[in-house]
Amino acid sequence: MRRSIIGTGLATAAAAVVGGAVSRDGVENWYSQIRKPRYVPPNVAFPIAWTMLYVDIAATSAATINRFRADGDNAKARTYIAALGVNLVLNAGFSWVFFNRHRTGQGAIVAGLLAASSADLVRRAADADPKLGVALAPYPLWCTFATVLSTDIWWLNR
């Protein structure tokens, strides 16, 4: 268990640090100047939500990997780890495309890919244990919201 939580914790922390680093200037300057829909949450909501989600991703992913390994299904554990890696690259990639490069349309596409990838992680976690799927479900919900928000921002600023 310890090895899995360290690995998933380090991987999610890396995505968070990279995403935060590449988006900081865009959030502080560019994002405050563009048009946004009325339903956009206050800026303070985003780091709170993402911190909770990253903890959830790390803990649930570690439990999923451990369950697969305990069941003797190392192939499913490996494919989950690969899917998690792709997901975290998309996660940090959204921040780079949207906030750093100011590519709102492309950011909406990456957000959609991230939502789909997150839903796939939920499916895989539920395969290990339905409770794990439920535990990870807030992640694709938030990513779907981010997709809608990003699409609306693109639309308002095209």
N, C-alpha and C. Protein backbone atom coordinates (compact mmCIF):
# COMPACT_ATOMS: atom_id res chain seq x y z
N MET A 1 0.83 -1.20 0.00
CA MET A 1 0.00 0.00 0.00
C MET A 1 0.86 1.25 0.00
N ARG A 2 1.90 1.26 0.82
CA ARG A 2 2.72 2.45 0.96
C ARG A 2 3.34 2.85 -0.38
N ARG A 3 3.81 1.87 -1.16
CA ARG A 3 4.44 2.17 -2.44
C ARG A 3 3.44 2.81 -3.40
N SER A 4 2.20 2.32 -3.42
CA SER A 4 1.19 2.85 -4.32
C SER A 4 0.82 4.29 -3.97
N ILE A 5 0.61 4.56 -2.69
CA ILE A 5 0.20 5.92 -2.30
C ILE A 5 1.34 6.90 -2.52
N ILE A 6 2.56 6.47 -2.33
CA ILE A 6 3.69 7.37 -2.61
C ILE A 6 3.75 7.67 -4.10
N GLY A 7 3.60 6.65 -4.93
CA GLY A 7 3.64 6.84 -6.38
C GLY A 7 2.51 7.70 -6.89
N THR A 8 1.29 7.41 -6.47
CA THR A 8 0.16 8.21 -6.95
C THR A 8 0.20 9.61 -6.35
N GLY A 9 0.68 9.71 -5.12
CA GLY A 9 0.80 11.04 -4.50
C GLY A 9 1.82 11.91 -5.21
N LEU A 10 2.97 11.31 -5.53
CA LEU A 10 3.99 12.07 -6.26
C LEU A 10 3.53 12.45 -7.67
N ALA A 11 2.83 11.52 -8.33
CA ALA A 11 2.35 11.79 -9.69
C ALA A 11 1.32 12.92 -9.71
N THR A 12 0.36 12.87 -8.78
CA THR A 12 -0.65 13.93 -8.75
C THR A 12 -0.03 15.25 -8.30
N ALA A 13 0.89 15.19 -7.37
CA ALA A 13 1.57 16.43 -6.94
C ALA A 13 2.35 17.04 -8.10
N ALA A 14 2.99 16.21 -8.90
CA ALA A 14 3.73 16.72 -10.06
C ALA A 14 2.79 17.41 -11.03
N ALA A 15 1.63 16.80 -11.29
CA ALA A 15 0.65 17.43 -12.20
C ALA A 15 0.19 18.75 -11.62
N ALA A 16 -0.05 18.78 -10.32
CA ALA A 16 -0.50 20.02 -9.68
C ALA A 16 0.56 21.11 -9.75
N VAL A 17 1.79 20.76 -9.46
CA VAL A 17 2.88 21.74 -9.48
C VAL A 17 3.12 22.27 -10.89
N VAL A 18 3.18 21.37 -11.86
CA VAL A 18 3.40 21.79 -13.25
C VAL A 18 2.23 22.66 -13.72
N GLY A 19 1.01 22.18 -13.48
CA GLY A 19 -0.17 22.96 -13.89
C GLY A 19 -0.21 24.33 -13.24
N GLY A 20 0.12 24.38 -11.95
CA GLY A 20 0.14 25.67 -11.25
C GLY A 20 1.22 26.60 -11.76
N ALA A 21 2.39 26.04 -12.02
CA ALA A 21 3.51 26.86 -12.49
C ALA A 21 3.25 27.45 -13.87
N VAL A 22 2.70 26.65 -14.77
CA VAL A 22 2.49 27.14 -16.14
C VAL A 22 1.27 28.05 -16.25
N SER A 23 0.40 28.03 -15.25
CA SER A 23 -0.81 28.84 -15.36
C SER A 23 -0.80 30.10 -14.49
N ARG A 24 0.16 30.20 -13.60
CA ARG A 24 0.15 31.29 -12.62
C ARG A 24 0.02 32.68 -13.26
N ASP A 25 0.87 33.00 -14.22
CA ASP A 25 0.82 34.33 -14.85
C ASP A 25 -0.50 34.53 -15.60
N GLY A 26 -0.96 33.50 -16.28
CA GLY A 26 -2.22 33.61 -17.01
C GLY A 26 -3.40 33.84 -16.10
N VAL A 27 -3.41 33.17 -14.96
CA VAL A 27 -4.51 33.34 -14.00
C VAL A 27 -4.47 34.75 -13.42
N GLU A 28 -3.29 35.21 -13.08
CA GLU A 28 -3.17 36.52 -12.42
C GLU A 28 -3.40 37.68 -13.37
N ASN A 29 -3.12 37.52 -14.64
CA ASN A 29 -3.21 38.64 -15.57
C ASN A 29 -4.27 38.42 -16.66
N TRP A 30 -4.02 37.54 -17.57
CA TRP A 30 -4.89 37.33 -18.73
C TRP A 30 -6.30 36.93 -18.34
N TYR A 31 -6.46 35.93 -17.45
CA TYR A 31 -7.78 35.40 -17.11
C TYR A 31 -8.67 36.46 -16.48
N SER A 32 -8.09 37.37 -15.73
CA SER A 32 -8.90 38.41 -15.10
C SER A 32 -9.43 39.42 -16.11
N GLN A 33 -8.84 39.47 -17.30
CA GLN A 33 -9.22 40.46 -18.31
C GLN A 33 -10.21 39.93 -19.36
N ILE A 34 -10.36 38.62 -19.47
CA ILE A 34 -11.22 38.08 -20.52
C ILE A 34 -12.67 38.00 -20.03
N ARG A 35 -13.58 37.85 -20.99
CA ARG A 35 -15.00 37.70 -20.67
C ARG A 35 -15.26 36.28 -20.20
N LYS A 36 -16.09 36.19 -19.15
CA LYS A 36 -16.43 34.89 -18.57
C LYS A 36 -17.94 34.83 -18.34
N PRO A 37 -18.51 33.64 -18.37
CA PRO A 37 -19.95 33.51 -18.10
C PRO A 37 -20.27 33.87 -16.65
N ARG A 38 -21.51 34.20 -16.41
CA ARG A 38 -21.94 34.61 -15.06
C ARG A 38 -21.75 33.52 -14.01
N TYR A 39 -21.80 32.28 -14.43
CA TYR A 39 -21.75 31.17 -13.47
C TYR A 39 -20.32 30.78 -13.07
N VAL A 40 -19.31 31.48 -13.55
CA VAL A 40 -17.93 31.12 -13.20
C VAL A 40 -17.75 31.27 -11.68
N PRO A 41 -17.18 30.25 -11.04
CA PRO A 41 -16.95 30.36 -9.59
C PRO A 41 -15.89 31.41 -9.29
N PRO A 42 -15.87 31.92 -8.07
CA PRO A 42 -14.80 32.85 -7.70
C PRO A 42 -13.45 32.13 -7.78
N ASN A 43 -12.41 32.89 -8.06
CA ASN A 43 -11.07 32.29 -8.23
C ASN A 43 -10.64 31.44 -7.04
N VAL A 44 -11.05 31.81 -5.84
CA VAL A 44 -10.64 31.07 -4.65
C VAL A 44 -11.19 29.63 -4.67
N ALA A 45 -12.26 29.38 -5.39
CA ALA A 45 -12.85 28.03 -5.43
C ALA A 45 -11.96 27.03 -6.14
N PHE A 46 -11.21 27.48 -7.13
CA PHE A 46 -10.42 26.55 -7.94
C PHE A 46 -9.31 25.85 -7.17
N PRO A 47 -8.45 26.56 -6.43
CA PRO A 47 -7.41 25.82 -5.70
C PRO A 47 -7.99 24.91 -4.61
N ILE A 48 -9.10 25.31 -4.02
CA ILE A 48 -9.73 24.45 -3.00
C ILE A 48 -10.25 23.17 -3.67
N ALA A 49 -10.99 23.33 -4.75
CA ALA A 49 -11.54 22.16 -5.45
C ALA A 49 -10.42 21.25 -5.95
N TRP A 50 -9.41 21.84 -6.58
CA TRP A 50 -8.34 21.02 -7.15
C TRP A 50 -7.53 20.31 -6.08
N THR A 51 -7.29 20.96 -4.94
CA THR A 51 -6.55 20.29 -3.86
C THR A 51 -7.32 19.06 -3.38
N MET A 52 -8.62 19.22 -3.18
CA MET A 52 -9.43 18.08 -2.75
C MET A 52 -9.45 16.98 -3.82
N LEU A 53 -9.54 17.39 -5.08
CA LEU A 53 -9.55 16.40 -6.15
C LEU A 53 -8.23 15.67 -6.26
N TYR A 54 -7.12 16.38 -6.15
CA TYR A 54 -5.81 15.72 -6.24
C TYR A 54 -5.62 14.71 -5.11
N VAL A 55 -6.07 15.05 -3.91
CA VAL A 55 -5.99 14.10 -2.79
C VAL A 55 -6.84 12.87 -3.10
N ASP A 56 -8.05 13.10 -3.63
CA ASP A 56 -8.95 12.01 -4.00
C ASP A 56 -8.32 11.13 -5.08
N ILE A 57 -7.76 11.76 -6.11
CA ILE A 57 -7.14 11.01 -7.20
C ILE A 57 -6.01 10.13 -6.66
N ALA A 58 -5.15 10.70 -5.84
CA ALA A 58 -4.01 9.95 -5.32
C ALA A 58 -4.47 8.79 -4.44
N ALA A 59 -5.37 9.06 -3.50
CA ALA A 59 -5.81 8.02 -2.57
C ALA A 59 -6.62 6.93 -3.27
N THR A 60 -7.56 7.33 -4.10
CA THR A 60 -8.40 6.35 -4.77
C THR A 60 -7.59 5.54 -5.77
N SER A 61 -6.69 6.19 -6.46
CA SER A 61 -5.86 5.47 -7.42
C SER A 61 -4.96 4.45 -6.71
N ALA A 62 -4.39 4.84 -5.59
CA ALA A 62 -3.56 3.90 -4.83
C ALA A 62 -4.39 2.70 -4.38
N ALA A 63 -5.59 2.96 -3.88
CA ALA A 63 -6.46 1.86 -3.44
C ALA A 63 -6.86 0.97 -4.61
N THR A 64 -7.10 1.56 -5.77
CA THR A 64 -7.46 0.79 -6.96
C THR A 64 -6.30 -0.11 -7.39
N ILE A 65 -5.12 0.46 -7.46
CA ILE A 65 -3.93 -0.31 -7.86
C ILE A 65 -3.71 -1.44 -6.86
N ASN A 66 -3.83 -1.15 -5.58
CA ASN A 66 -3.63 -2.17 -4.55
C ASN A 66 -4.67 -3.27 -4.64
N ARG A 67 -5.90 -2.91 -4.94
CA ARG A 67 -6.95 -3.93 -5.06
C ARG A 67 -6.66 -4.86 -6.23
N PHE A 68 -6.30 -4.27 -7.37
CA PHE A 68 -5.96 -5.11 -8.52
C PHE A 68 -4.80 -6.05 -8.18
N ARG A 69 -3.78 -5.51 -7.53
CA ARG A 69 -2.62 -6.35 -7.18
C ARG A 69 -3.00 -7.43 -6.18
N ALA A 70 -3.82 -7.08 -5.19
CA ALA A 70 -4.26 -8.06 -4.19
C ALA A 70 -5.07 -9.18 -4.83
N ASP A 71 -5.80 -8.83 -5.88
CA ASP A 71 -6.59 -9.83 -6.60
C ASP A 71 -5.75 -10.61 -7.61
N GLY A 72 -4.46 -10.30 -7.68
CA GLY A 72 -3.57 -10.99 -8.61
C GLY A 72 -3.71 -10.52 -10.04
N ASP A 73 -4.30 -9.36 -10.24
CA ASP A 73 -4.50 -8.85 -11.60
C ASP A 73 -3.53 -7.70 -11.87
N ASN A 74 -2.26 -8.06 -11.99
CA ASN A 74 -1.21 -7.06 -12.22
C ASN A 74 -1.37 -6.36 -13.56
N ALA A 75 -1.96 -7.01 -14.54
CA ALA A 75 -2.18 -6.37 -15.84
C ALA A 75 -3.14 -5.20 -15.70
N LYS A 76 -4.22 -5.39 -14.92
CA LYS A 76 -5.16 -4.28 -14.70
C LYS A 76 -4.50 -3.16 -13.88
N ALA A 77 -3.65 -3.52 -12.94
CA ALA A 77 -2.93 -2.51 -12.17
C ALA A 77 -2.05 -1.68 -13.09
N ARG A 78 -1.33 -2.35 -13.99
CA ARG A 78 -0.44 -1.64 -14.93
C ARG A 78 -1.24 -0.75 -15.89
N THR A 79 -2.36 -1.24 -16.40
CA THR A 79 -3.12 -0.41 -17.34
C THR A 79 -3.78 0.76 -16.61
N TYR A 80 -4.13 0.57 -15.34
CA TYR A 80 -4.66 1.70 -14.57
C TYR A 80 -3.56 2.75 -14.38
N ILE A 81 -2.37 2.32 -14.05
CA ILE A 81 -1.25 3.25 -13.87
C ILE A 81 -1.00 4.02 -15.17
N ALA A 82 -1.03 3.34 -16.30
CA ALA A 82 -0.83 4.01 -17.59
C ALA A 82 -1.95 5.01 -17.86
N ALA A 83 -3.19 4.62 -17.59
CA ALA A 83 -4.32 5.52 -17.80
C ALA A 83 -4.22 6.74 -16.88
N LEU A 84 -3.79 6.52 -15.65
CA LEU A 84 -3.59 7.63 -14.72
C LEU A 84 -2.51 8.57 -15.23
N GLY A 85 -1.42 8.02 -15.77
CA GLY A 85 -0.35 8.86 -16.32
C GLY A 85 -0.85 9.73 -17.46
N VAL A 86 -1.61 9.15 -18.38
CA VAL A 86 -2.19 9.93 -19.48
C VAL A 86 -3.09 11.02 -18.93
N ASN A 87 -3.91 10.65 -17.95
CA ASN A 87 -4.84 11.60 -17.36
C ASN A 87 -4.12 12.79 -16.74
N LEU A 88 -3.05 12.52 -16.02
CA LEU A 88 -2.33 13.60 -15.35
C LEU A 88 -1.58 14.48 -16.34
N VAL A 89 -1.14 13.92 -17.46
CA VAL A 89 -0.54 14.75 -18.52
C VAL A 89 -1.61 15.66 -19.11
N LEU A 90 -2.80 15.13 -19.36
CA LEU A 90 -3.90 15.97 -19.85
C LEU A 90 -4.25 17.04 -18.83
N ASN A 91 -4.23 16.68 -17.57
CA ASN A 91 -4.55 17.61 -16.49
C ASN A 91 -3.62 18.82 -16.51
N ALA A 92 -2.33 18.57 -16.50
CA ALA A 92 -1.36 19.66 -16.55
C ALA A 92 -1.38 20.33 -17.92
N GLY A 93 -1.63 19.56 -18.95
CA GLY A 93 -1.67 20.10 -20.31
C GLY A 93 -2.77 21.12 -20.50
N PHE A 94 -3.92 20.89 -19.86
CA PHE A 94 -4.99 21.88 -19.95
C PHE A 94 -4.51 23.23 -19.44
N SER A 95 -3.86 23.24 -18.29
CA SER A 95 -3.37 24.50 -17.71
C SER A 95 -2.41 25.20 -18.66
N TRP A 96 -1.55 24.43 -19.30
CA TRP A 96 -0.59 25.03 -20.23
C TRP A 96 -1.30 25.60 -21.45
N VAL A 97 -2.19 24.83 -22.05
CA VAL A 97 -2.89 25.29 -23.27
C VAL A 97 -3.79 26.48 -22.97
N PHE A 98 -4.60 26.37 -21.93
CA PHE A 98 -5.61 27.40 -21.65
C PHE A 98 -4.99 28.64 -21.01
N PHE A 99 -4.32 28.49 -19.90
CA PHE A 99 -3.84 29.65 -19.15
C PHE A 99 -2.51 30.20 -19.63
N ASN A 100 -1.62 29.34 -20.09
CA ASN A 100 -0.31 29.80 -20.52
C ASN A 100 -0.31 30.27 -21.96
N ARG A 101 -0.93 29.48 -22.83
CA ARG A 101 -0.93 29.81 -24.26
C ARG A 101 -2.16 30.63 -24.66
N HIS A 102 -3.15 30.73 -23.79
CA HIS A 102 -4.38 31.49 -24.03
C HIS A 102 -5.16 30.95 -25.22
N ARG A 103 -5.11 29.68 -25.43
CA ARG A 103 -5.81 28.99 -26.52
C ARG A 103 -7.11 28.42 -25.95
N THR A 104 -8.14 29.26 -25.89
CA THR A 104 -9.37 28.85 -25.22
C THR A 104 -10.09 27.72 -25.94
N GLY A 105 -10.13 27.74 -27.26
CA GLY A 105 -10.77 26.67 -28.00
C GLY A 105 -10.05 25.35 -27.83
N GLN A 106 -8.73 25.39 -27.96
CA GLN A 106 -7.94 24.17 -27.75
C GLN A 106 -8.02 23.72 -26.30
N GLY A 107 -8.10 24.68 -25.38
CA GLY A 107 -8.25 24.33 -23.97
C GLY A 107 -9.55 23.60 -23.71
N ALA A 108 -10.62 24.03 -24.38
CA ALA A 108 -11.91 23.34 -24.23
C ALA A 108 -11.80 21.90 -24.73
N ILE A 109 -11.06 21.71 -25.81
CA ILE A 109 -10.87 20.35 -26.34
C ILE A 109 -10.08 19.50 -25.35
N VAL A 110 -8.99 20.05 -24.81
CA VAL A 110 -8.19 19.31 -23.83
C VAL A 110 -9.03 19.02 -22.58
N ALA A 111 -9.85 19.98 -22.17
CA ALA A 111 -10.72 19.75 -21.01
C ALA A 111 -11.69 18.61 -21.28
N GLY A 112 -12.22 18.54 -22.50
CA GLY A 112 -13.11 17.44 -22.86
C GLY A 112 -12.39 16.10 -22.83
N LEU A 113 -11.16 16.09 -23.34
CA LEU A 113 -10.36 14.86 -23.29
C LEU A 113 -10.07 14.47 -21.84
N LEU A 114 -9.80 15.46 -21.01
CA LEU A 114 -9.54 15.21 -19.59
C LEU A 114 -10.79 14.64 -18.92
N ALA A 115 -11.96 15.19 -19.25
CA ALA A 115 -13.21 14.67 -18.67
C ALA A 115 -13.43 13.22 -19.07
N ALA A 116 -13.19 12.91 -20.34
CA ALA A 116 -13.35 11.53 -20.81
C ALA A 116 -12.33 10.61 -20.13
N SER A 117 -11.09 11.06 -20.01
CA SER A 117 -10.05 10.27 -19.36
C SER A 117 -10.39 10.05 -17.89
N SER A 118 -10.93 11.07 -17.24
CA SER A 118 -11.31 10.95 -15.83
C SER A 118 -12.46 9.96 -15.65
N ALA A 119 -13.42 10.01 -16.58
CA ALA A 119 -14.53 9.04 -16.53
C ALA A 119 -13.99 7.62 -16.72
N ASP A 120 -12.98 7.47 -17.58
CA ASP A 120 -12.37 6.16 -17.78
C ASP A 120 -11.69 5.68 -16.49
N LEU A 121 -11.05 6.59 -15.77
CA LEU A 121 -10.45 6.20 -14.49
C LEU A 121 -11.51 5.72 -13.51
N VAL A 122 -12.65 6.40 -13.50
CA VAL A 122 -13.76 5.99 -12.62
C VAL A 122 -14.21 4.58 -13.00
N ARG A 123 -14.36 4.33 -14.29
CA ARG A 123 -14.77 2.99 -14.76
C ARG A 123 -13.77 1.94 -14.30
N ARG A 124 -12.49 2.24 -14.46
CA ARG A 124 -11.45 1.29 -14.06
C ARG A 124 -11.44 1.08 -12.54
N ALA A 125 -11.60 2.16 -11.78
CA ALA A 125 -11.63 2.04 -10.32
C ALA A 125 -12.83 1.22 -9.87
N ALA A 126 -13.98 1.45 -10.51
CA ALA A 126 -15.18 0.70 -10.17
C ALA A 126 -15.02 -0.79 -10.49
N ASP A 127 -14.20 -1.10 -11.49
CA ASP A 127 -13.92 -2.49 -11.81
C ASP A 127 -13.16 -3.17 -10.67
N ALA A 128 -12.33 -2.42 -9.99
CA ALA A 128 -11.60 -2.95 -8.83
C ALA A 128 -12.55 -3.09 -7.64
N ASP A 129 -13.38 -2.06 -7.43
CA ASP A 129 -14.35 -2.05 -6.34
C ASP A 129 -15.33 -0.90 -6.63
N PRO A 130 -16.62 -1.19 -6.69
CA PRO A 130 -17.59 -0.11 -6.99
C PRO A 130 -17.47 1.10 -6.07
N LYS A 131 -17.09 0.88 -4.82
CA LYS A 131 -16.92 2.02 -3.89
C LYS A 131 -15.80 2.95 -4.34
N LEU A 132 -14.78 2.38 -4.96
CA LEU A 132 -13.68 3.21 -5.46
C LEU A 132 -14.14 4.06 -6.64
N GLY A 133 -14.99 3.50 -7.47
CA GLY A 133 -15.56 4.28 -8.57
C GLY A 133 -16.37 5.46 -8.06
N VAL A 134 -17.17 5.21 -7.03
CA VAL A 134 -17.97 6.28 -6.43
C VAL A 134 -17.05 7.35 -5.82
N ALA A 135 -15.98 6.91 -5.17
CA ALA A 135 -15.06 7.85 -4.53
C ALA A 135 -14.39 8.77 -5.54
N LEU A 136 -14.13 8.27 -6.74
CA LEU A 136 -13.44 9.05 -7.76
C LEU A 136 -14.41 9.85 -8.65
N ALA A 137 -15.69 9.60 -8.54
CA ALA A 137 -16.69 10.24 -9.41
C ALA A 137 -16.67 11.77 -9.42
N PRO A 138 -16.33 12.46 -8.33
CA PRO A 138 -16.29 13.93 -8.42
C PRO A 138 -15.30 14.47 -9.46
N TYR A 139 -14.26 13.71 -9.73
CA TYR A 139 -13.23 14.17 -10.67
C TYR A 139 -13.78 14.39 -12.09
N PRO A 140 -14.41 13.39 -12.72
CA PRO A 140 -14.94 13.68 -14.06
C PRO A 140 -16.10 14.69 -14.04
N LEU A 141 -16.82 14.76 -12.94
CA LEU A 141 -17.88 15.77 -12.85
C LEU A 141 -17.28 17.18 -12.90
N TRP A 142 -16.23 17.39 -12.14
CA TRP A 142 -15.55 18.69 -12.14
C TRP A 142 -14.93 18.97 -13.51
N CYS A 143 -14.33 17.95 -14.11
CA CYS A 143 -13.71 18.13 -15.43
C CYS A 143 -14.76 18.41 -16.51
N THR A 144 -15.93 17.83 -16.37
CA THR A 144 -17.03 18.13 -17.30
C THR A 144 -17.47 19.58 -17.12
N PHE A 145 -17.58 20.03 -15.88
CA PHE A 145 -17.88 21.43 -15.62
C PHE A 145 -16.81 22.33 -16.24
N ALA A 146 -15.54 21.95 -16.09
CA ALA A 146 -14.44 22.72 -16.68
C ALA A 146 -14.55 22.77 -18.20
N THR A 147 -15.01 21.69 -18.80
CA THR A 147 -15.19 21.65 -20.26
C THR A 147 -16.27 22.64 -20.69
N VAL A 148 -17.39 22.62 -19.98
CA VAL A 148 -18.48 23.55 -20.30
C VAL A 148 -18.02 24.99 -20.09
N LEU A 149 -17.37 25.25 -18.98
CA LEU A 149 -16.87 26.59 -18.68
C LEU A 149 -15.86 27.06 -19.73
N SER A 150 -14.91 26.20 -20.06
CA SER A 150 -13.90 26.55 -21.06
C SER A 150 -14.52 26.81 -22.42
N THR A 151 -15.51 26.02 -22.78
CA THR A 151 -16.20 26.22 -24.06
C THR A 151 -16.94 27.55 -24.07
N ASP A 152 -17.60 27.87 -22.98
CA ASP A 152 -18.30 29.16 -22.90
C ASP A 152 -17.32 30.33 -22.93
N ILE A 153 -16.18 30.19 -22.28
CA ILE A 153 -15.17 31.25 -22.32
C ILE A 153 -14.64 31.42 -23.74
N TRP A 154 -14.39 30.31 -24.42
CA TRP A 154 -13.97 30.39 -25.82
C TRP A 154 -15.03 31.13 -26.63
N TRP A 155 -16.28 30.77 -26.46
CA TRP A 155 -17.38 31.37 -27.22
C TRP A 155 -17.47 32.87 -26.97
N LEU A 156 -17.33 33.28 -25.73
CA LEU A 156 -17.44 34.69 -25.38
C LEU A 156 -16.25 35.53 -25.86
N ASN A 157 -15.12 34.88 -26.11
CA ASN A 157 -13.90 35.62 -26.45
C ASN A 157 -13.37 35.32 -27.86
N ARG A 158 -14.18 34.70 -28.69
CA ARG A 158 -13.69 34.34 -30.03
C ARG A 158 -13.64 35.54 -30.94
